[in-house]
Amino acid sequence: MEIKQKAQKIEKGLEEEVKRHKFFFFWDPVIIYFVLIIIISNWPRTPTPELAMLGFVVSDKIKHVILYFGFSFLLGVACRHSNFVLLRQNHFFIALTAASLVGILDEVNQLRVIGRHFGADEIGFNIMGSILGQGVRGILRLQKSLLRRIF
């Protein structure tokens, strides 16, 4: 009986430890991604070399879609696993809205950065990436597998 009680105590301690670090596990990637977006956007020129896939140069617009796809996806996962009920219940809407808002403000911010330009079309591609990120999350969540618990 004593061994069983010790095992339960250890299990309870592990659960508390996981809960304590849950915030960092899900939100750290979002925060790092956000900071990288801000750093890249405030450099006078785009620091990344031209991407080439199968001999084709990837358009700047596709880069915007990919960048905000990832941000929206990570933000949605973090909201889904948040301790706040409001974030957890509305994770798709909040992630989509927040990622789109960051995309809009990022483009407006580029008005003041030398060598960068504001583009309404780029805002559209940022929002498109945010929508695609949440769309892929929605598709993955519909799967009846282990992925549903993660995403």
N, C-alpha and C. Protein backbone atom coordinates (compact mmCIF):
# COMPACT_ATOMS: atom_id res chain seq x y z
N MET A 1 0.83 -1.20 0.00
CA MET A 1 0.00 0.00 0.00
C MET A 1 0.87 1.26 0.00
N GLU A 2 1.95 1.22 0.70
CA GLU A 2 2.84 2.36 0.79
C GLU A 2 3.47 2.70 -0.56
N ILE A 3 3.80 1.70 -1.34
CA ILE A 3 4.40 1.90 -2.65
C ILE A 3 3.39 2.57 -3.59
N LYS A 4 2.14 2.13 -3.50
CA LYS A 4 1.10 2.71 -4.35
C LYS A 4 0.91 4.19 -4.03
N GLN A 5 0.94 4.55 -2.75
CA GLN A 5 0.78 5.94 -2.34
C GLN A 5 1.96 6.79 -2.82
N LYS A 6 3.16 6.22 -2.74
CA LYS A 6 4.34 6.94 -3.22
C LYS A 6 4.25 7.16 -4.73
N ALA A 7 3.79 6.16 -5.45
CA ALA A 7 3.66 6.27 -6.91
C ALA A 7 2.64 7.34 -7.27
N GLN A 8 1.53 7.39 -6.53
CA GLN A 8 0.51 8.41 -6.78
C GLN A 8 1.04 9.81 -6.48
N LYS A 9 1.84 9.92 -5.43
CA LYS A 9 2.42 11.21 -5.06
C LYS A 9 3.40 11.67 -6.15
N ILE A 10 4.21 10.77 -6.65
CA ILE A 10 5.15 11.10 -7.72
C ILE A 10 4.39 11.50 -8.98
N GLU A 11 3.34 10.77 -9.31
CA GLU A 11 2.53 11.07 -10.50
C GLU A 11 1.89 12.45 -10.38
N LYS A 12 1.39 12.77 -9.21
CA LYS A 12 0.77 14.07 -8.98
C LYS A 12 1.81 15.18 -9.11
N GLY A 13 3.01 14.95 -8.60
CA GLY A 13 4.09 15.92 -8.72
C GLY A 13 4.48 16.15 -10.17
N LEU A 14 4.51 15.08 -10.96
CA LEU A 14 4.85 15.20 -12.38
C LEU A 14 3.78 15.99 -13.12
N GLU A 15 2.51 15.74 -12.79
CA GLU A 15 1.42 16.49 -13.43
C GLU A 15 1.54 17.98 -13.13
N GLU A 16 1.88 18.32 -11.91
CA GLU A 16 2.05 19.73 -11.53
C GLU A 16 3.22 20.35 -12.29
N GLU A 17 4.29 19.60 -12.45
CA GLU A 17 5.47 20.09 -13.17
C GLU A 17 5.14 20.36 -14.64
N VAL A 18 4.37 19.46 -15.24
CA VAL A 18 3.97 19.64 -16.64
C VAL A 18 3.08 20.88 -16.76
N LYS A 19 2.14 21.06 -15.85
CA LYS A 19 1.27 22.23 -15.89
C LYS A 19 2.07 23.52 -15.75
N ARG A 20 3.09 23.49 -14.90
CA ARG A 20 3.89 24.68 -14.66
C ARG A 20 4.69 25.09 -15.90
N HIS A 21 5.17 24.12 -16.68
CA HIS A 21 5.99 24.40 -17.85
C HIS A 21 5.18 24.42 -19.15
N LYS A 22 3.89 24.16 -19.07
CA LYS A 22 3.03 24.12 -20.25
C LYS A 22 3.03 25.46 -20.98
N PHE A 23 2.99 26.54 -20.22
CA PHE A 23 2.99 27.87 -20.81
C PHE A 23 4.22 28.06 -21.69
N PHE A 24 5.38 27.75 -21.16
CA PHE A 24 6.62 27.97 -21.90
C PHE A 24 6.71 27.05 -23.12
N PHE A 25 6.22 25.85 -23.00
CA PHE A 25 6.29 24.89 -24.10
C PHE A 25 5.51 25.38 -25.32
N PHE A 26 4.34 25.94 -25.09
CA PHE A 26 3.49 26.38 -26.20
C PHE A 26 3.71 27.84 -26.59
N TRP A 27 4.01 28.72 -25.65
CA TRP A 27 4.10 30.14 -25.97
C TRP A 27 5.50 30.60 -26.35
N ASP A 28 6.55 29.94 -25.92
CA ASP A 28 7.90 30.34 -26.30
C ASP A 28 8.10 30.35 -27.81
N PRO A 29 7.68 29.31 -28.55
CA PRO A 29 7.85 29.38 -30.01
C PRO A 29 7.10 30.55 -30.64
N VAL A 30 5.92 30.87 -30.12
CA VAL A 30 5.14 32.00 -30.65
C VAL A 30 5.87 33.31 -30.40
N ILE A 31 6.39 33.48 -29.20
CA ILE A 31 7.09 34.71 -28.85
C ILE A 31 8.37 34.86 -29.68
N ILE A 32 9.12 33.77 -29.82
CA ILE A 32 10.35 33.81 -30.63
C ILE A 32 10.02 34.13 -32.08
N TYR A 33 9.00 33.49 -32.61
CA TYR A 33 8.57 33.73 -34.00
C TYR A 33 8.18 35.19 -34.19
N PHE A 34 7.42 35.73 -33.24
CA PHE A 34 6.99 37.13 -33.30
C PHE A 34 8.19 38.07 -33.29
N VAL A 35 9.14 37.82 -32.40
CA VAL A 35 10.34 38.66 -32.32
C VAL A 35 11.13 38.59 -33.63
N LEU A 36 11.23 37.41 -34.22
CA LEU A 36 11.92 37.28 -35.50
C LEU A 36 11.21 38.06 -36.60
N ILE A 37 9.88 38.05 -36.62
CA ILE A 37 9.13 38.84 -37.59
C ILE A 37 9.47 40.32 -37.44
N ILE A 38 9.50 40.79 -36.20
CA ILE A 38 9.79 42.20 -35.95
C ILE A 38 11.22 42.54 -36.37
N ILE A 39 12.18 41.68 -36.04
CA ILE A 39 13.58 41.94 -36.40
C ILE A 39 13.74 41.98 -37.91
N ILE A 40 13.21 40.97 -38.59
CA ILE A 40 13.33 40.91 -40.05
C ILE A 40 12.65 42.10 -40.71
N SER A 41 11.51 42.49 -40.19
CA SER A 41 10.75 43.60 -40.79
C SER A 41 11.42 44.95 -40.58
N ASN A 42 12.22 45.09 -39.56
CA ASN A 42 12.86 46.36 -39.27
C ASN A 42 14.25 46.50 -39.86
N TRP A 43 14.76 45.46 -40.50
CA TRP A 43 16.02 45.59 -41.22
C TRP A 43 15.75 46.34 -42.51
N PRO A 44 16.68 47.21 -42.91
CA PRO A 44 16.45 47.98 -44.13
C PRO A 44 16.20 47.14 -45.38
N ARG A 45 16.78 45.99 -45.46
CA ARG A 45 16.53 45.10 -46.59
C ARG A 45 16.19 43.72 -46.05
N THR A 46 15.52 42.94 -46.87
CA THR A 46 15.19 41.58 -46.47
C THR A 46 16.48 40.79 -46.32
N PRO A 47 16.74 40.21 -45.14
CA PRO A 47 18.01 39.53 -44.90
C PRO A 47 18.12 38.15 -45.55
N THR A 48 17.02 37.60 -45.99
CA THR A 48 17.06 36.25 -46.53
C THR A 48 17.42 36.28 -48.01
N PRO A 49 18.24 35.34 -48.45
CA PRO A 49 18.54 35.26 -49.88
C PRO A 49 17.30 34.78 -50.63
N GLU A 50 17.30 34.97 -51.94
CA GLU A 50 16.19 34.50 -52.74
C GLU A 50 16.07 32.98 -52.60
N LEU A 51 14.88 32.52 -52.35
CA LEU A 51 14.64 31.09 -52.26
C LEU A 51 14.39 30.54 -53.65
N ALA A 52 14.97 29.41 -53.94
CA ALA A 52 14.74 28.77 -55.23
C ALA A 52 14.27 27.35 -55.00
N MET A 53 13.18 26.99 -55.64
CA MET A 53 12.64 25.64 -55.53
C MET A 53 12.46 25.09 -56.93
N LEU A 54 13.12 24.00 -57.22
CA LEU A 54 13.06 23.36 -58.53
C LEU A 54 13.39 24.35 -59.66
N GLY A 55 14.35 25.23 -59.37
CA GLY A 55 14.79 26.17 -60.39
C GLY A 55 13.96 27.43 -60.49
N PHE A 56 12.90 27.55 -59.71
CA PHE A 56 12.06 28.74 -59.75
C PHE A 56 12.34 29.59 -58.52
N VAL A 57 12.42 30.89 -58.70
CA VAL A 57 12.60 31.80 -57.58
C VAL A 57 11.25 31.98 -56.90
N VAL A 58 11.24 31.85 -55.59
CA VAL A 58 10.00 31.99 -54.83
C VAL A 58 9.68 33.47 -54.66
N SER A 59 8.49 33.85 -55.02
CA SER A 59 8.04 35.23 -54.95
C SER A 59 8.06 35.75 -53.52
N ASP A 60 8.26 37.05 -53.39
CA ASP A 60 8.20 37.71 -52.09
C ASP A 60 6.83 37.51 -51.45
N LYS A 61 5.80 37.43 -52.27
CA LYS A 61 4.43 37.26 -51.76
C LYS A 61 4.27 35.88 -51.12
N ILE A 62 4.89 34.89 -51.73
CA ILE A 62 4.83 33.53 -51.16
C ILE A 62 5.56 33.50 -49.82
N LYS A 63 6.64 34.26 -49.70
CA LYS A 63 7.35 34.34 -48.42
C LYS A 63 6.44 34.90 -47.33
N HIS A 64 5.63 35.90 -47.68
CA HIS A 64 4.68 36.46 -46.71
C HIS A 64 3.66 35.40 -46.28
N VAL A 65 3.15 34.65 -47.23
CA VAL A 65 2.17 33.60 -46.91
C VAL A 65 2.80 32.56 -45.99
N ILE A 66 4.00 32.12 -46.31
CA ILE A 66 4.68 31.09 -45.51
C ILE A 66 4.98 31.62 -44.10
N LEU A 67 5.46 32.86 -44.01
CA LEU A 67 5.81 33.43 -42.72
C LEU A 67 4.59 33.51 -41.80
N TYR A 68 3.48 34.00 -42.31
CA TYR A 68 2.29 34.17 -41.47
C TYR A 68 1.50 32.87 -41.31
N PHE A 69 1.69 31.92 -42.22
CA PHE A 69 1.14 30.59 -42.02
C PHE A 69 1.73 29.99 -40.75
N GLY A 70 3.05 30.02 -40.65
CA GLY A 70 3.72 29.47 -39.46
C GLY A 70 3.35 30.18 -38.19
N PHE A 71 3.30 31.51 -38.25
CA PHE A 71 2.96 32.28 -37.06
C PHE A 71 1.54 31.98 -36.60
N SER A 72 0.61 31.97 -37.53
CA SER A 72 -0.79 31.68 -37.20
C SER A 72 -0.95 30.27 -36.65
N PHE A 73 -0.27 29.33 -37.26
CA PHE A 73 -0.36 27.94 -36.82
C PHE A 73 0.13 27.80 -35.38
N LEU A 74 1.32 28.33 -35.09
CA LEU A 74 1.87 28.24 -33.73
C LEU A 74 1.00 28.99 -32.72
N LEU A 75 0.50 30.14 -33.12
CA LEU A 75 -0.36 30.92 -32.24
C LEU A 75 -1.65 30.16 -31.91
N GLY A 76 -2.21 29.50 -32.91
CA GLY A 76 -3.43 28.71 -32.69
C GLY A 76 -3.20 27.55 -31.74
N VAL A 77 -2.06 26.88 -31.90
CA VAL A 77 -1.73 25.76 -31.00
C VAL A 77 -1.57 26.27 -29.57
N ALA A 78 -0.88 27.40 -29.42
CA ALA A 78 -0.67 27.96 -28.08
C ALA A 78 -2.00 28.38 -27.44
N CYS A 79 -2.87 29.01 -28.22
CA CYS A 79 -4.18 29.41 -27.69
C CYS A 79 -4.99 28.19 -27.29
N ARG A 80 -4.93 27.14 -28.10
CA ARG A 80 -5.68 25.91 -27.83
C ARG A 80 -5.28 25.28 -26.50
N HIS A 81 -4.02 25.42 -26.13
CA HIS A 81 -3.51 24.81 -24.90
C HIS A 81 -3.33 25.82 -23.78
N SER A 82 -3.95 26.98 -23.91
CA SER A 82 -3.82 28.03 -22.91
C SER A 82 -4.58 27.68 -21.64
N ASN A 83 -4.15 28.27 -20.55
CA ASN A 83 -4.86 28.11 -19.28
C ASN A 83 -6.09 29.01 -19.21
N PHE A 84 -6.17 30.00 -20.10
CA PHE A 84 -7.30 30.91 -20.12
C PHE A 84 -8.43 30.33 -20.95
N VAL A 85 -9.59 30.24 -20.36
CA VAL A 85 -10.74 29.62 -21.01
C VAL A 85 -11.12 30.35 -22.29
N LEU A 86 -11.07 31.68 -22.25
CA LEU A 86 -11.44 32.47 -23.43
C LEU A 86 -10.54 32.12 -24.63
N LEU A 87 -9.25 32.01 -24.40
CA LEU A 87 -8.33 31.64 -25.48
C LEU A 87 -8.58 30.22 -25.96
N ARG A 88 -8.78 29.33 -25.01
CA ARG A 88 -8.99 27.90 -25.34
C ARG A 88 -10.26 27.69 -26.14
N GLN A 89 -11.33 28.39 -25.79
CA GLN A 89 -12.61 28.19 -26.46
C GLN A 89 -12.67 28.85 -27.83
N ASN A 90 -11.91 29.90 -28.04
CA ASN A 90 -11.95 30.66 -29.29
C ASN A 90 -10.60 30.65 -30.00
N HIS A 91 -9.87 29.56 -29.89
CA HIS A 91 -8.49 29.53 -30.37
C HIS A 91 -8.37 29.82 -31.87
N PHE A 92 -9.29 29.33 -32.69
CA PHE A 92 -9.20 29.60 -34.13
C PHE A 92 -9.38 31.09 -34.42
N PHE A 93 -10.44 31.66 -33.88
CA PHE A 93 -10.75 33.06 -34.14
C PHE A 93 -9.67 33.99 -33.59
N ILE A 94 -9.24 33.75 -32.38
CA ILE A 94 -8.23 34.62 -31.75
C ILE A 94 -6.90 34.52 -32.49
N ALA A 95 -6.48 33.31 -32.84
CA ALA A 95 -5.22 33.15 -33.56
C ALA A 95 -5.28 33.81 -34.93
N LEU A 96 -6.37 33.63 -35.63
CA LEU A 96 -6.53 34.24 -36.95
C LEU A 96 -6.54 35.77 -36.86
N THR A 97 -7.28 36.29 -35.91
CA THR A 97 -7.37 37.73 -35.74
C THR A 97 -6.02 38.33 -35.32
N ALA A 98 -5.38 37.72 -34.34
CA ALA A 98 -4.10 38.25 -33.83
C ALA A 98 -3.01 38.17 -34.90
N ALA A 99 -2.91 37.05 -35.61
CA ALA A 99 -1.89 36.92 -36.65
C ALA A 99 -2.14 37.90 -37.78
N SER A 100 -3.40 38.09 -38.16
CA SER A 100 -3.73 39.05 -39.21
C SER A 100 -3.41 40.47 -38.77
N LEU A 101 -3.72 40.79 -37.52
CA LEU A 101 -3.43 42.12 -36.99
C LEU A 101 -1.92 42.37 -36.96
N VAL A 102 -1.15 41.38 -36.56
CA VAL A 102 0.32 41.52 -36.59
C VAL A 102 0.78 41.75 -38.02
N GLY A 103 0.20 41.05 -38.98
CA GLY A 103 0.56 41.23 -40.39
C GLY A 103 0.26 42.63 -40.88
N ILE A 104 -0.88 43.17 -40.49
CA ILE A 104 -1.25 44.53 -40.89
C ILE A 104 -0.30 45.55 -40.25
N LEU A 105 -0.10 45.43 -38.94
CA LEU A 105 0.76 46.37 -38.24
C LEU A 105 2.21 46.27 -38.71
N ASP A 106 2.63 45.08 -39.09
CA ASP A 106 3.98 44.88 -39.60
C ASP A 106 4.17 45.65 -40.90
N GLU A 107 3.20 45.59 -41.77
CA GLU A 107 3.30 46.32 -43.04
C GLU A 107 3.24 47.83 -42.81
N VAL A 108 2.39 48.28 -41.92
CA VAL A 108 2.31 49.72 -41.61
C VAL A 108 3.64 50.18 -41.01
N ASN A 109 4.23 49.36 -40.16
CA ASN A 109 5.52 49.68 -39.55
C ASN A 109 6.61 49.86 -40.62
N GLN A 110 6.51 49.15 -41.72
CA GLN A 110 7.53 49.23 -42.75
C GLN A 110 7.52 50.57 -43.48
N LEU A 111 6.51 51.39 -43.25
CA LEU A 111 6.50 52.74 -43.82
C LEU A 111 7.67 53.56 -43.30
N ARG A 112 8.10 53.29 -42.10
CA ARG A 112 9.17 54.07 -41.49
C ARG A 112 10.55 53.44 -41.64
N VAL A 113 10.64 52.26 -42.20
CA VAL A 113 11.92 51.56 -42.35
C VAL A 113 12.52 51.88 -43.71
N ILE A 114 13.75 52.38 -43.70
CA ILE A 114 14.43 52.74 -44.94
C ILE A 114 14.68 51.49 -45.77
N GLY A 115 14.37 51.56 -47.05
CA GLY A 115 14.60 50.43 -47.94
C GLY A 115 13.45 49.43 -47.98
N ARG A 116 12.46 49.62 -47.16
CA ARG A 116 11.28 48.74 -47.16
C ARG A 116 10.10 49.54 -47.68
N HIS A 117 9.10 48.86 -48.16
CA HIS A 117 7.93 49.57 -48.67
C HIS A 117 6.65 48.94 -48.15
N PHE A 118 5.66 49.80 -48.03
CA PHE A 118 4.33 49.37 -47.61
C PHE A 118 3.59 48.86 -48.84
N GLY A 119 2.90 47.75 -48.67
CA GLY A 119 2.11 47.23 -49.78
C GLY A 119 0.81 46.64 -49.28
N ALA A 120 -0.29 47.18 -49.80
CA ALA A 120 -1.60 46.64 -49.42
C ALA A 120 -1.73 45.20 -49.87
N ASP A 121 -1.10 44.85 -50.98
CA ASP A 121 -1.14 43.47 -51.44
C ASP A 121 -0.41 42.55 -50.47
N GLU A 122 0.66 43.06 -49.85
CA GLU A 122 1.39 42.25 -48.87
C GLU A 122 0.54 42.01 -47.62
N ILE A 123 -0.28 42.97 -47.25
CA ILE A 123 -1.22 42.76 -46.14
C ILE A 123 -2.15 41.60 -46.48
N GLY A 124 -2.63 41.59 -47.72
CA GLY A 124 -3.50 40.49 -48.15
C GLY A 124 -2.81 39.14 -48.09
N PHE A 125 -1.54 39.09 -48.47
CA PHE A 125 -0.82 37.82 -48.42
C PHE A 125 -0.52 37.41 -46.97
N ASN A 126 -0.28 38.38 -46.09
CA ASN A 126 -0.10 38.06 -44.67
C ASN A 126 -1.38 37.45 -44.10
N ILE A 127 -2.51 38.05 -44.43
CA ILE A 127 -3.80 37.54 -43.95
C ILE A 127 -4.09 36.17 -44.57
N MET A 128 -3.74 36.01 -45.84
CA MET A 128 -3.94 34.71 -46.49
C MET A 128 -3.13 33.62 -45.79
N GLY A 129 -1.90 33.93 -45.42
CA GLY A 129 -1.08 32.97 -44.68
C GLY A 129 -1.69 32.64 -43.33
N SER A 130 -2.25 33.65 -42.66
CA SER A 130 -2.90 33.43 -41.36
C SER A 130 -4.12 32.51 -41.52
N ILE A 131 -4.90 32.75 -42.56
CA ILE A 131 -6.08 31.91 -42.81
C ILE A 131 -5.67 30.48 -43.13
N LEU A 132 -4.64 30.33 -43.96
CA LEU A 132 -4.17 28.98 -44.31
C LEU A 132 -3.63 28.24 -43.08
N GLY A 133 -2.94 28.97 -42.20
CA GLY A 133 -2.42 28.34 -40.97
C GLY A 133 -3.54 27.77 -40.12
N GLN A 134 -4.62 28.53 -39.99
CA GLN A 134 -5.75 28.04 -39.20
C GLN A 134 -6.53 26.97 -39.95
N GLY A 135 -6.57 27.08 -41.27
CA GLY A 135 -7.23 26.04 -42.08
C GLY A 135 -6.55 24.69 -41.95
N VAL A 136 -5.23 24.71 -42.02
CA VAL A 136 -4.48 23.45 -41.86
C VAL A 136 -4.66 22.90 -40.46
N ARG A 137 -4.64 23.77 -39.45
CA ARG A 137 -4.90 23.31 -38.08
C ARG A 137 -6.28 22.67 -37.97
N GLY A 138 -7.27 23.29 -38.60
CA GLY A 138 -8.63 22.75 -38.56
C GLY A 138 -8.71 21.37 -39.21
N ILE A 139 -8.03 21.21 -40.34
CA ILE A 139 -8.02 19.91 -41.01
C ILE A 139 -7.33 18.87 -40.14
N LEU A 140 -6.20 19.24 -39.55
CA LEU A 140 -5.47 18.29 -38.69
C LEU A 140 -6.29 17.91 -37.46
N ARG A 141 -7.03 18.86 -36.93
CA ARG A 141 -7.84 18.58 -35.74
C ARG A 141 -9.00 17.64 -36.05
N LEU A 142 -9.44 17.61 -37.29
CA LEU A 142 -10.54 16.73 -37.67
C LEU A 142 -10.10 15.27 -37.75
N GLN A 143 -8.82 15.04 -37.86
CA GLN A 143 -8.32 13.68 -37.96
C GLN A 143 -8.57 12.94 -36.65
N LYS A 144 -8.93 11.69 -36.75
CA LYS A 144 -9.19 10.87 -35.56
C LYS A 144 -7.92 10.13 -35.16
N SER A 145 -6.86 10.92 -34.85
CA SER A 145 -5.59 10.31 -34.51
C SER A 145 -4.94 11.08 -33.36
N LEU A 146 -3.71 10.77 -33.09
CA LEU A 146 -2.96 11.43 -32.03
C LEU A 146 -2.77 12.91 -32.32
N LEU A 147 -2.73 13.29 -33.59
CA LEU A 147 -2.56 14.70 -33.95
C LEU A 147 -3.65 15.58 -33.34
N ARG A 148 -4.84 15.03 -33.17
CA ARG A 148 -5.94 15.83 -32.62
C ARG A 148 -5.62 16.31 -31.21
N ARG A 149 -4.92 15.52 -30.45
CA ARG A 149 -4.58 15.94 -29.07
C ARG A 149 -3.49 17.01 -29.07
N ILE A 150 -2.65 17.00 -30.06
CA ILE A 150 -1.55 17.96 -30.11
C ILE A 150 -2.01 19.29 -30.66
N PHE A 151 -2.72 19.27 -31.80
CA PHE A 151 -3.09 20.51 -32.47
C PHE A 151 -4.49 20.91 -32.09
